[in-house]
Every structure is written in C-alpha cells, then in structure tokens.
C-alpha cells in the first residue's frame, strides 16, 4: 500500500511581457542603505543591505547620519525606503567632500523629498529599448556621473522593468564577471 502525501499546489507564475516600460537610472557605487519609518512616524530603524544598524555598529556612518536627520527623514512617510549611501570614504568617493543618501524609488521621489536626501538620476524612462540602455551606458562613459557631475568613473546603470517588478544592473567595466570573482 502506498503512502499518500499531501502536497500544496503551487501554480506556475504569470510571465511578464518583455516589451513593457522600463526606467534606467545611474548605478551609484557606494553602500546600500535603508530607512524604515513606522506607520505612526514615531519609530525609525536604519539598515544596511543585510542588517539593522545603529550608531556605533554602523555602515560608513549612515546610521549616525540618519539619526542626526531623524526629523527630516520622517517626511519619507511610513515604510522602508532604500537608497545608496555614497561619497567621501565610500567605494569610488565620486570626488565628493561629503556623503550623500540617494533614494532608489525614482517613481516616487522627485523634488518633493526631505532636503537631506537625493534621488538616483533617471537616465531613461519609456518602452523597453536596448538602444536606450546602450545610450545611457555610453553617456555615462563619455560624460561621467550624473549624480556627481565631473566624476568620470561612474559604475553603470540599474534597469527597473515595470511589468516584471524586477531590477537588473549593467556596469561599465567587467559586467560579465560576477562581483565575487573580481580582484
């Protein structure tokens, strides 16, 4: 007699259409950072890409900065707000004498944002177009960073595919190599 096992059915997921809108933004080479604001705006938590951080157990001074600007950062509203912490002393430095926090969500954050925050630069918005992606990379290679004008060694781009709700990245150099393989 065979044993009968109950297996929960998992439907095959819908497949997103490739030919839909995308947003191409500059990929800034810093360190991933996040701010969580509670629904009542009273609680703030600060994160690196992989963990919660606090001043003293920090990520390039991000938690210290966030707590210093706590009142302004409440303007982000409830939820988790991800971005890149970059500038002086972090990765490429971007020729900056200070550190900056650039929010990733270019659909939400424009000019209406806390004064202490930047937004990653949008390089293209429109239908999926491989030429537009190539043009964005070429522009960065030839003209330098949009996030830090005059800095001629930008990292690359991030492509947000609206239908797939997925991010992809392309770097200007060594894009074919996994990050862990770089020396």
N, C-alpha and C. Protein backbone atom coordinates (compact mmCIF):
# COMPACT_ATOMS: atom_id res chain seq x y z
N UNK A 1 0.84 -1.17 0.00
CA UNK A 1 0.00 0.00 0.00
C UNK A 1 0.89 1.25 0.00
N UNK A 2 0.64 2.19 -0.88
CA UNK A 2 1.47 3.39 -0.98
C UNK A 2 0.97 4.47 -0.02
N UNK A 3 1.96 5.21 0.47
CA UNK A 3 1.63 6.31 1.36
C UNK A 3 1.20 7.51 0.53
N UNK A 4 0.14 8.14 0.93
CA UNK A 4 -0.33 9.31 0.20
C UNK A 4 0.18 10.56 0.91
N UNK A 5 0.84 11.43 0.14
CA UNK A 5 1.39 12.66 0.69
C UNK A 5 0.58 13.83 0.17
N UNK A 6 0.26 14.73 1.07
CA UNK A 6 -0.44 15.93 0.66
C UNK A 6 0.59 16.99 0.30
N UNK A 7 0.50 17.46 -0.91
CA UNK A 7 1.40 18.50 -1.40
C UNK A 7 0.54 19.69 -1.80
N UNK A 8 0.87 20.84 -1.25
CA UNK A 8 0.12 22.04 -1.60
C UNK A 8 0.43 22.42 -3.04
N UNK A 9 -0.61 22.66 -3.82
CA UNK A 9 -0.44 23.03 -5.21
C UNK A 9 0.16 24.43 -5.32
N UNK A 10 1.17 24.58 -6.14
CA UNK A 10 1.79 25.87 -6.44
C UNK A 10 1.59 26.15 -7.92
N UNK A 11 0.76 27.14 -8.24
CA UNK A 11 0.54 27.44 -9.66
C UNK A 11 1.79 28.02 -10.30
N UNK A 12 1.92 27.82 -11.60
CA UNK A 12 3.03 28.41 -12.34
C UNK A 12 2.80 29.92 -12.39
N UNK A 13 3.82 30.73 -12.10
CA UNK A 13 3.61 32.18 -12.06
C UNK A 13 3.37 32.76 -13.45
N UNK A 14 2.66 33.88 -13.48
CA UNK A 14 2.47 34.59 -14.75
C UNK A 14 3.83 35.09 -15.23
N UNK A 15 4.00 35.16 -16.52
CA UNK A 15 5.24 35.62 -17.12
C UNK A 15 5.05 37.05 -17.59
N UNK A 16 5.93 37.92 -17.12
CA UNK A 16 5.84 39.33 -17.51
C UNK A 16 6.24 39.49 -18.98
N UNK A 17 5.63 40.44 -19.65
CA UNK A 17 5.99 40.73 -21.04
C UNK A 17 7.23 41.62 -21.08
N UNK A 18 8.17 41.24 -21.91
CA UNK A 18 9.44 41.95 -22.05
C UNK A 18 9.25 43.37 -22.58
N UNK A 19 8.38 43.52 -23.56
CA UNK A 19 8.20 44.81 -24.24
C UNK A 19 7.24 45.70 -23.46
N UNK A 20 7.68 46.09 -22.28
CA UNK A 20 6.92 46.99 -21.42
C UNK A 20 7.85 48.11 -20.96
N UNK A 21 7.31 49.04 -20.20
CA UNK A 21 8.10 50.20 -19.77
C UNK A 21 9.22 49.82 -18.82
N UNK A 22 10.31 50.57 -18.93
CA UNK A 22 11.46 50.43 -18.05
C UNK A 22 11.88 51.82 -17.57
N UNK A 23 12.66 51.83 -16.51
CA UNK A 23 13.31 53.04 -16.04
C UNK A 23 14.78 52.70 -15.88
N UNK A 24 15.64 53.50 -16.48
CA UNK A 24 17.08 53.31 -16.37
C UNK A 24 17.61 54.44 -15.49
N UNK A 25 18.32 54.06 -14.43
CA UNK A 25 18.90 55.06 -13.53
C UNK A 25 20.39 54.78 -13.37
N UNK A 26 21.10 55.80 -12.90
CA UNK A 26 22.54 55.61 -12.66
C UNK A 26 22.74 54.69 -11.46
N UNK A 27 23.63 53.71 -11.63
CA UNK A 27 24.02 52.84 -10.51
C UNK A 27 25.19 53.51 -9.82
N UNK A 28 24.96 53.91 -8.59
CA UNK A 28 25.98 54.61 -7.83
C UNK A 28 26.76 53.60 -7.00
N UNK A 29 28.07 53.72 -7.00
CA UNK A 29 28.94 52.79 -6.27
C UNK A 29 29.22 53.33 -4.87
N UNK A 30 28.37 52.93 -3.95
CA UNK A 30 28.52 53.29 -2.55
C UNK A 30 28.20 52.07 -1.72
N UNK A 31 27.30 52.23 -0.78
CA UNK A 31 26.85 51.10 0.03
C UNK A 31 25.34 51.22 0.20
N UNK A 32 24.66 50.09 0.08
CA UNK A 32 23.21 50.06 0.17
C UNK A 32 22.77 50.45 1.57
N UNK A 33 21.71 51.26 1.65
CA UNK A 33 21.24 51.73 2.95
C UNK A 33 19.73 51.90 2.92
N UNK A 34 19.12 51.77 4.08
CA UNK A 34 17.67 51.90 4.16
C UNK A 34 17.22 52.59 5.43
N UNK A 35 16.05 53.20 5.32
CA UNK A 35 15.41 53.87 6.45
C UNK A 35 14.01 53.28 6.56
N UNK A 36 13.66 52.77 7.73
CA UNK A 36 12.29 52.32 7.99
C UNK A 36 11.61 53.34 8.88
N UNK A 37 10.40 53.74 8.50
CA UNK A 37 9.59 54.66 9.29
C UNK A 37 8.27 53.94 9.61
N UNK A 38 7.92 53.90 10.88
CA UNK A 38 6.69 53.22 11.31
C UNK A 38 5.45 54.00 10.85
N UNK A 39 4.31 53.32 10.88
CA UNK A 39 3.05 53.94 10.44
C UNK A 39 2.73 55.21 11.22
N UNK A 40 3.07 55.25 12.51
CA UNK A 40 2.78 56.44 13.32
C UNK A 40 3.90 57.48 13.24
N UNK A 41 4.91 57.23 12.41
CA UNK A 41 6.05 58.13 12.18
C UNK A 41 6.95 58.30 13.41
N UNK A 42 6.70 57.54 14.46
CA UNK A 42 7.47 57.69 15.70
C UNK A 42 8.73 56.84 15.72
N UNK A 43 8.68 55.67 15.10
CA UNK A 43 9.82 54.76 15.13
C UNK A 43 10.58 54.81 13.81
N UNK A 44 11.89 54.93 13.92
CA UNK A 44 12.76 54.87 12.76
C UNK A 44 13.80 53.79 13.02
N UNK A 45 14.05 52.97 12.02
CA UNK A 45 15.13 51.99 12.07
C UNK A 45 16.00 52.23 10.85
N UNK A 46 17.29 51.89 10.97
CA UNK A 46 18.25 52.15 9.92
C UNK A 46 18.88 50.82 9.52
N UNK A 47 19.11 50.64 8.22
CA UNK A 47 19.59 49.35 7.72
C UNK A 47 20.74 49.51 6.73
N UNK A 48 21.58 48.48 6.72
CA UNK A 48 22.49 48.25 5.60
C UNK A 48 21.73 47.28 4.69
N UNK A 49 22.35 46.76 3.66
CA UNK A 49 21.67 45.82 2.76
C UNK A 49 21.24 44.55 3.48
N UNK A 50 21.98 44.16 4.53
CA UNK A 50 21.77 42.85 5.14
C UNK A 50 21.35 42.86 6.60
N UNK A 51 21.32 44.06 7.26
CA UNK A 51 21.01 44.04 8.70
C UNK A 51 20.62 45.43 9.18
N UNK A 52 20.00 45.46 10.35
CA UNK A 52 19.73 46.73 11.03
C UNK A 52 21.04 47.24 11.59
N UNK A 53 21.23 48.55 11.55
CA UNK A 53 22.44 49.17 12.07
C UNK A 53 22.08 50.32 13.01
N UNK A 54 23.02 50.66 13.88
CA UNK A 54 22.86 51.77 14.82
C UNK A 54 24.18 52.50 14.92
N UNK A 55 24.16 53.75 15.39
CA UNK A 55 25.45 54.42 15.61
C UNK A 55 26.32 53.56 16.53
N UNK A 56 27.58 53.43 16.18
CA UNK A 56 28.49 52.57 16.91
C UNK A 56 28.61 51.18 16.30
N UNK A 57 27.58 50.71 15.62
CA UNK A 57 27.61 49.45 14.86
C UNK A 57 27.03 49.83 13.50
N UNK A 58 27.81 50.62 12.77
CA UNK A 58 27.33 51.42 11.65
C UNK A 58 27.82 50.89 10.31
N UNK A 59 27.45 51.55 9.25
CA UNK A 59 27.87 51.24 7.89
C UNK A 59 28.33 52.55 7.25
N UNK A 60 29.62 52.85 7.36
CA UNK A 60 30.20 54.08 6.81
C UNK A 60 29.51 55.34 7.35
N UNK A 61 29.04 55.28 8.60
CA UNK A 61 28.44 56.45 9.22
C UNK A 61 26.99 56.70 8.85
N UNK A 62 26.34 55.77 8.14
CA UNK A 62 24.96 56.00 7.70
C UNK A 62 23.99 56.12 8.87
N UNK A 63 24.09 55.21 9.85
CA UNK A 63 23.16 55.26 10.99
C UNK A 63 23.35 56.55 11.77
N UNK A 64 24.59 56.95 11.96
CA UNK A 64 24.86 58.21 12.66
C UNK A 64 24.21 59.38 11.93
N UNK A 65 24.38 59.44 10.61
CA UNK A 65 23.78 60.48 9.78
C UNK A 65 22.26 60.43 9.89
N UNK A 66 21.68 59.23 9.78
CA UNK A 66 20.22 59.09 9.80
C UNK A 66 19.62 59.59 11.11
N UNK A 67 20.25 59.24 12.21
CA UNK A 67 19.71 59.71 13.49
C UNK A 67 19.88 61.22 13.65
N UNK A 68 20.91 61.78 13.05
CA UNK A 68 21.10 63.23 13.08
C UNK A 68 19.97 63.93 12.30
N UNK A 69 19.51 63.31 11.22
CA UNK A 69 18.47 63.89 10.36
C UNK A 69 17.11 63.23 10.57
N UNK A 70 16.92 62.60 11.71
CA UNK A 70 15.71 61.84 12.01
C UNK A 70 14.42 62.62 11.73
N UNK A 71 14.35 63.86 12.16
CA UNK A 71 13.11 64.64 11.97
C UNK A 71 12.82 64.85 10.49
N UNK A 72 13.83 65.19 9.71
CA UNK A 72 13.64 65.36 8.26
C UNK A 72 13.26 64.03 7.60
N UNK A 73 13.91 62.95 8.00
CA UNK A 73 13.67 61.64 7.37
C UNK A 73 12.27 61.13 7.62
N UNK A 74 11.59 61.59 8.68
CA UNK A 74 10.19 61.21 8.91
C UNK A 74 9.31 61.65 7.74
N UNK A 75 9.75 62.69 7.02
CA UNK A 75 8.99 63.16 5.86
C UNK A 75 8.90 62.09 4.76
N UNK A 76 9.75 61.07 4.82
CA UNK A 76 9.67 59.98 3.85
C UNK A 76 8.34 59.24 3.99
N UNK A 77 7.75 59.28 5.18
CA UNK A 77 6.49 58.60 5.42
C UNK A 77 6.70 57.15 5.79
N UNK A 78 5.61 56.46 6.13
CA UNK A 78 5.71 55.07 6.58
C UNK A 78 6.29 54.14 5.51
N UNK A 79 7.05 53.16 5.96
CA UNK A 79 7.56 52.13 5.07
C UNK A 79 9.08 52.07 5.07
N UNK A 80 9.59 51.22 4.20
CA UNK A 80 11.03 51.02 4.04
C UNK A 80 11.48 51.80 2.82
N UNK A 81 12.50 52.61 3.00
CA UNK A 81 13.00 53.49 1.94
C UNK A 81 14.46 53.15 1.68
N UNK A 82 14.74 52.55 0.52
CA UNK A 82 16.08 52.10 0.18
C UNK A 82 16.79 53.13 -0.69
N UNK A 83 18.10 53.16 -0.56
CA UNK A 83 18.91 54.05 -1.37
C UNK A 83 20.38 53.69 -1.28
N UNK A 84 21.22 54.57 -1.82
CA UNK A 84 22.67 54.37 -1.83
C UNK A 84 23.31 55.47 -0.99
N UNK A 85 24.18 55.07 -0.08
CA UNK A 85 24.97 55.97 0.75
C UNK A 85 26.33 56.03 0.08
N UNK A 86 26.71 57.22 -0.39
CA UNK A 86 27.92 57.30 -1.20
C UNK A 86 28.64 58.62 -0.95
N UNK A 87 29.85 58.70 -1.44
CA UNK A 87 30.64 59.93 -1.33
C UNK A 87 31.95 59.68 -0.60
N UNK A 88 32.41 60.68 0.10
CA UNK A 88 33.73 60.68 0.73
C UNK A 88 33.94 59.42 1.60
N UNK A 89 34.98 58.67 1.25
CA UNK A 89 35.36 57.50 2.04
C UNK A 89 34.60 56.22 1.72
N UNK A 90 33.70 56.25 0.72
CA UNK A 90 32.91 55.06 0.37
C UNK A 90 33.17 54.70 -1.09
N UNK A 91 33.64 53.50 -1.34
CA UNK A 91 33.88 52.98 -2.68
C UNK A 91 34.60 53.99 -3.58
N UNK A 92 33.94 54.48 -4.63
CA UNK A 92 34.59 55.38 -5.61
C UNK A 92 34.73 56.82 -5.13
N UNK A 93 34.11 57.18 -4.04
CA UNK A 93 34.15 58.54 -3.47
C UNK A 93 33.43 59.60 -4.31
N UNK A 94 33.39 59.45 -5.60
CA UNK A 94 32.73 60.37 -6.53
C UNK A 94 33.27 61.80 -6.46
N UNK A 95 34.48 61.95 -5.96
CA UNK A 95 35.09 63.27 -5.88
C UNK A 95 34.39 64.20 -4.90
N UNK A 96 33.61 63.64 -4.00
CA UNK A 96 32.82 64.45 -3.07
C UNK A 96 33.58 64.66 -1.76
N UNK A 97 33.30 65.77 -1.11
CA UNK A 97 33.88 66.06 0.19
C UNK A 97 32.90 65.70 1.31
N UNK A 98 31.71 65.23 0.93
CA UNK A 98 30.69 64.82 1.89
C UNK A 98 30.11 63.48 1.46
N UNK A 99 29.25 62.92 2.32
CA UNK A 99 28.50 61.70 1.98
C UNK A 99 27.07 62.11 1.67
N UNK A 100 26.42 61.32 0.78
CA UNK A 100 25.05 61.61 0.37
C UNK A 100 24.21 60.33 0.43
N UNK A 101 22.92 60.51 0.63
CA UNK A 101 21.96 59.41 0.56
C UNK A 101 21.05 59.66 -0.62
N UNK A 102 21.08 58.76 -1.62
CA UNK A 102 20.25 58.87 -2.82
C UNK A 102 19.20 57.76 -2.81
N UNK A 103 17.94 58.16 -2.76
CA UNK A 103 16.82 57.21 -2.77
C UNK A 103 16.73 56.51 -4.12
N UNK A 104 16.35 55.23 -4.09
CA UNK A 104 16.23 54.44 -5.32
C UNK A 104 14.91 54.64 -6.06
N UNK A 105 13.82 54.85 -5.35
CA UNK A 105 12.49 54.84 -5.96
C UNK A 105 12.24 56.12 -6.76
N UNK A 106 12.69 56.12 -8.00
CA UNK A 106 12.58 57.31 -8.85
C UNK A 106 11.13 57.60 -9.26
N UNK A 107 10.25 56.62 -9.15
CA UNK A 107 8.84 56.86 -9.46
C UNK A 107 8.18 57.68 -8.35
N UNK A 108 8.65 57.52 -7.14
CA UNK A 108 8.04 58.22 -6.00
C UNK A 108 8.76 59.52 -5.65
N UNK A 109 10.08 59.51 -5.71
CA UNK A 109 10.84 60.65 -5.20
C UNK A 109 11.35 61.53 -6.32
N UNK A 110 10.91 62.76 -6.29
CA UNK A 110 11.38 63.75 -7.25
C UNK A 110 11.87 64.93 -6.43
N UNK A 111 11.34 66.08 -6.69
CA UNK A 111 11.72 67.28 -5.92
C UNK A 111 11.08 67.27 -4.53
N UNK A 112 9.92 66.63 -4.40
CA UNK A 112 9.22 66.56 -3.11
C UNK A 112 9.80 65.43 -2.28
N UNK A 113 10.83 65.76 -1.52
CA UNK A 113 11.51 64.77 -0.67
C UNK A 113 12.22 65.53 0.44
N UNK A 114 12.65 64.83 1.49
CA UNK A 114 13.40 65.53 2.53
C UNK A 114 14.65 66.19 1.93
N UNK A 115 14.98 67.38 2.39
CA UNK A 115 16.12 68.13 1.86
C UNK A 115 17.44 67.40 2.04
N UNK A 116 17.53 66.51 3.02
CA UNK A 116 18.78 65.79 3.27
C UNK A 116 18.98 64.62 2.31
N UNK A 117 17.99 64.32 1.47
CA UNK A 117 18.06 63.16 0.57
C UNK A 117 18.19 63.60 -0.89
N UNK A 118 18.90 62.80 -1.65
CA UNK A 118 18.97 62.93 -3.10
C UNK A 118 18.16 61.78 -3.69
N UNK A 119 18.09 61.70 -5.01
CA UNK A 119 17.45 60.59 -5.72
C UNK A 119 18.43 60.15 -6.80
N UNK A 120 18.54 58.83 -7.03
CA UNK A 120 19.43 58.39 -8.10
C UNK A 120 18.94 58.99 -9.42
N UNK A 121 19.85 59.45 -10.27
CA UNK A 121 19.43 60.10 -11.52
C UNK A 121 18.76 59.13 -12.49
N UNK A 122 17.63 59.58 -13.05
CA UNK A 122 16.94 58.83 -14.10
C UNK A 122 17.59 59.19 -15.44
N UNK A 123 18.01 58.17 -16.18
CA UNK A 123 18.67 58.36 -17.47
C UNK A 123 17.74 58.09 -18.65
N UNK A 124 16.72 57.26 -18.42
CA UNK A 124 15.74 56.94 -19.48
C UNK A 124 14.49 56.40 -18.81
N UNK A 125 13.34 56.77 -19.38
CA UNK A 125 12.06 56.24 -18.93
C UNK A 125 11.21 56.05 -20.18
N UNK A 126 10.73 54.83 -20.40
CA UNK A 126 9.91 54.58 -21.57
C UNK A 126 9.86 53.11 -21.91
N UNK A 127 9.44 52.80 -23.14
CA UNK A 127 9.33 51.39 -23.55
C UNK A 127 10.69 50.69 -23.52
N UNK A 128 10.67 49.39 -23.26
CA UNK A 128 11.90 48.60 -23.28
C UNK A 128 12.60 48.84 -24.61
N UNK A 129 13.85 49.28 -24.53
CA UNK A 129 14.59 49.66 -25.72
C UNK A 129 16.07 49.43 -25.44
N UNK A 130 16.63 48.39 -26.04
CA UNK A 130 18.04 48.08 -25.79
C UNK A 130 18.96 49.19 -26.25
N UNK A 131 18.56 49.95 -27.26
CA UNK A 131 19.37 51.09 -27.70
C UNK A 131 19.40 52.17 -26.62
N UNK A 132 18.28 52.39 -25.95
CA UNK A 132 18.23 53.38 -24.87
C UNK A 132 19.14 52.96 -23.72
N UNK A 133 19.19 51.67 -23.45
CA UNK A 133 20.08 51.15 -22.40
C UNK A 133 21.54 51.38 -22.82
N UNK A 134 21.86 51.03 -24.05
CA UNK A 134 23.22 51.26 -24.57
C UNK A 134 23.57 52.74 -24.54
N UNK A 135 22.63 53.60 -24.94
CA UNK A 135 22.87 55.05 -24.94
C UNK A 135 23.13 55.58 -23.54
N UNK A 136 22.40 55.07 -22.55
CA UNK A 136 22.60 55.51 -21.16
C UNK A 136 24.00 55.13 -20.69
N UNK A 137 24.43 53.92 -20.99
CA UNK A 137 25.79 53.49 -20.63
C UNK A 137 26.84 54.33 -21.35
N UNK A 138 26.63 54.57 -22.63
CA UNK A 138 27.58 55.36 -23.42
C UNK A 138 27.68 56.79 -22.88
N UNK A 139 26.55 57.36 -22.53
CA UNK A 139 26.55 58.71 -21.98
C UNK A 139 27.35 58.78 -20.67
N UNK A 140 27.16 57.80 -19.80
CA UNK A 140 27.93 57.77 -18.55
C UNK A 140 29.42 57.62 -18.84
N UNK A 141 29.76 56.73 -19.78
CA UNK A 141 31.17 56.51 -20.12
C UNK A 141 31.81 57.78 -20.68
N UNK A 142 31.07 58.49 -21.52
CA UNK A 142 31.63 59.68 -22.18
C UNK A 142 31.54 60.95 -21.35
N UNK A 143 30.47 61.08 -20.56
CA UNK A 143 30.22 62.34 -19.85
C UNK A 143 30.39 62.26 -18.34
N UNK A 144 30.56 61.05 -17.82
CA UNK A 144 30.72 60.89 -16.38
C UNK A 144 29.39 60.80 -15.65
N UNK A 145 29.49 60.78 -14.34
CA UNK A 145 28.35 60.61 -13.46
C UNK A 145 27.38 61.78 -13.55
N UNK A 146 26.10 61.47 -13.49
CA UNK A 146 25.06 62.49 -13.40
C UNK A 146 24.85 62.84 -11.92
N UNK A 147 25.02 61.85 -11.05
CA UNK A 147 24.85 62.06 -9.61
C UNK A 147 25.91 63.00 -9.05
N UNK A 148 27.12 62.92 -9.60
CA UNK A 148 28.24 63.77 -9.17
C UNK A 148 28.93 64.30 -10.43
N UNK A 149 28.36 65.36 -11.03
CA UNK A 149 28.93 65.90 -12.27
C UNK A 149 30.43 66.17 -12.15
N UNK A 150 31.15 65.78 -13.20
CA UNK A 150 32.60 65.94 -13.21
C UNK A 150 33.34 64.67 -12.80
N UNK A 151 32.63 63.73 -12.17
CA UNK A 151 33.26 62.47 -11.79
C UNK A 151 33.21 61.53 -13.00
N UNK A 152 34.38 61.18 -13.53
CA UNK A 152 34.45 60.47 -14.81
C UNK A 152 34.59 58.95 -14.70
N UNK A 153 34.31 58.37 -13.53
CA UNK A 153 34.41 56.92 -13.39
C UNK A 153 33.13 56.35 -12.77
N UNK A 154 31.96 56.60 -13.39
CA UNK A 154 30.71 56.07 -12.84
C UNK A 154 30.67 54.54 -12.96
N UNK A 155 29.82 53.92 -12.15
CA UNK A 155 29.78 52.46 -12.13
C UNK A 155 28.95 51.86 -13.26
N UNK A 156 27.74 52.38 -13.49
CA UNK A 156 26.89 51.78 -14.52
C UNK A 156 25.45 52.20 -14.34
N UNK A 157 24.54 51.28 -14.68
CA UNK A 157 23.11 51.59 -14.64
C UNK A 157 22.34 50.50 -13.92
N UNK A 158 21.14 50.87 -13.50
CA UNK A 158 20.14 49.93 -12.99
C UNK A 158 18.93 50.08 -13.89
N UNK A 159 18.37 48.95 -14.29
CA UNK A 159 17.18 48.94 -15.14
C UNK A 159 16.03 48.36 -14.32
N UNK A 160 14.97 49.14 -14.16
CA UNK A 160 13.76 48.67 -13.49
C UNK A 160 12.76 48.30 -14.57
N UNK A 161 12.34 47.03 -14.58
CA UNK A 161 11.35 46.56 -15.54
C UNK A 161 9.99 46.57 -14.85
N UNK A 162 9.11 47.47 -15.26
CA UNK A 162 7.84 47.66 -14.57
C UNK A 162 6.99 46.40 -14.52
N UNK A 163 6.81 45.72 -15.66
CA UNK A 163 5.93 44.56 -15.70
C UNK A 163 6.46 43.42 -14.85
N UNK A 164 7.76 43.20 -14.87
CA UNK A 164 8.36 42.11 -14.10
C UNK A 164 8.57 42.50 -12.64
N UNK A 165 8.49 43.81 -12.34
CA UNK A 165 8.79 44.30 -10.99
C UNK A 165 10.16 43.79 -10.56
N UNK A 166 11.14 43.97 -11.45
CA UNK A 166 12.48 43.40 -11.26
C UNK A 166 13.54 44.42 -11.63
N UNK A 167 14.64 44.40 -10.88
CA UNK A 167 15.80 45.24 -11.15
C UNK A 167 16.88 44.42 -11.84
N UNK A 168 17.59 45.06 -12.76
CA UNK A 168 18.75 44.48 -13.42
C UNK A 168 19.85 45.52 -13.39
N UNK A 169 21.11 45.10 -13.40
CA UNK A 169 22.19 46.08 -13.45
C UNK A 169 23.17 45.75 -14.55
N UNK A 170 23.81 46.81 -15.06
CA UNK A 170 24.89 46.68 -16.04
C UNK A 170 25.97 47.66 -15.61
N UNK A 171 27.19 47.16 -15.55
CA UNK A 171 28.29 48.02 -15.18
C UNK A 171 29.11 48.37 -16.42
N UNK A 172 29.80 49.49 -16.33
CA UNK A 172 30.61 49.94 -17.47
C UNK A 172 31.84 49.07 -17.68
N UNK A 173 32.36 48.50 -16.62
CA UNK A 173 33.52 47.62 -16.75
C UNK A 173 33.24 46.30 -16.06
N UNK A 174 33.76 45.26 -16.62
CA UNK A 174 33.72 43.91 -16.03
C UNK A 174 32.30 43.42 -15.74
N UNK A 175 31.36 43.83 -16.58
CA UNK A 175 29.97 43.45 -16.38
C UNK A 175 29.76 41.94 -16.49
N UNK A 176 30.60 41.29 -17.26
CA UNK A 176 30.45 39.84 -17.47
C UNK A 176 30.94 39.02 -16.28
N UNK A 177 31.65 39.64 -15.34
CA UNK A 177 32.21 38.91 -14.19
C UNK A 177 31.30 39.05 -12.96
N UNK A 178 31.05 37.93 -12.29
CA UNK A 178 30.33 38.05 -11.01
C UNK A 178 31.15 38.88 -10.04
N UNK A 179 30.47 39.65 -9.20
CA UNK A 179 31.17 40.56 -8.27
C UNK A 179 32.16 39.80 -7.39
N UNK A 180 31.80 38.63 -6.95
CA UNK A 180 32.69 37.85 -6.08
C UNK A 180 33.96 37.36 -6.75
N UNK A 181 34.00 37.41 -8.09
CA UNK A 181 35.17 36.94 -8.83
C UNK A 181 36.18 38.07 -9.09
N UNK A 182 35.80 39.31 -8.78
CA UNK A 182 36.68 40.45 -9.05
C UNK A 182 37.78 40.53 -8.00
N UNK A 183 38.94 40.92 -8.45
CA UNK A 183 40.08 41.08 -7.53
C UNK A 183 40.53 42.51 -7.48
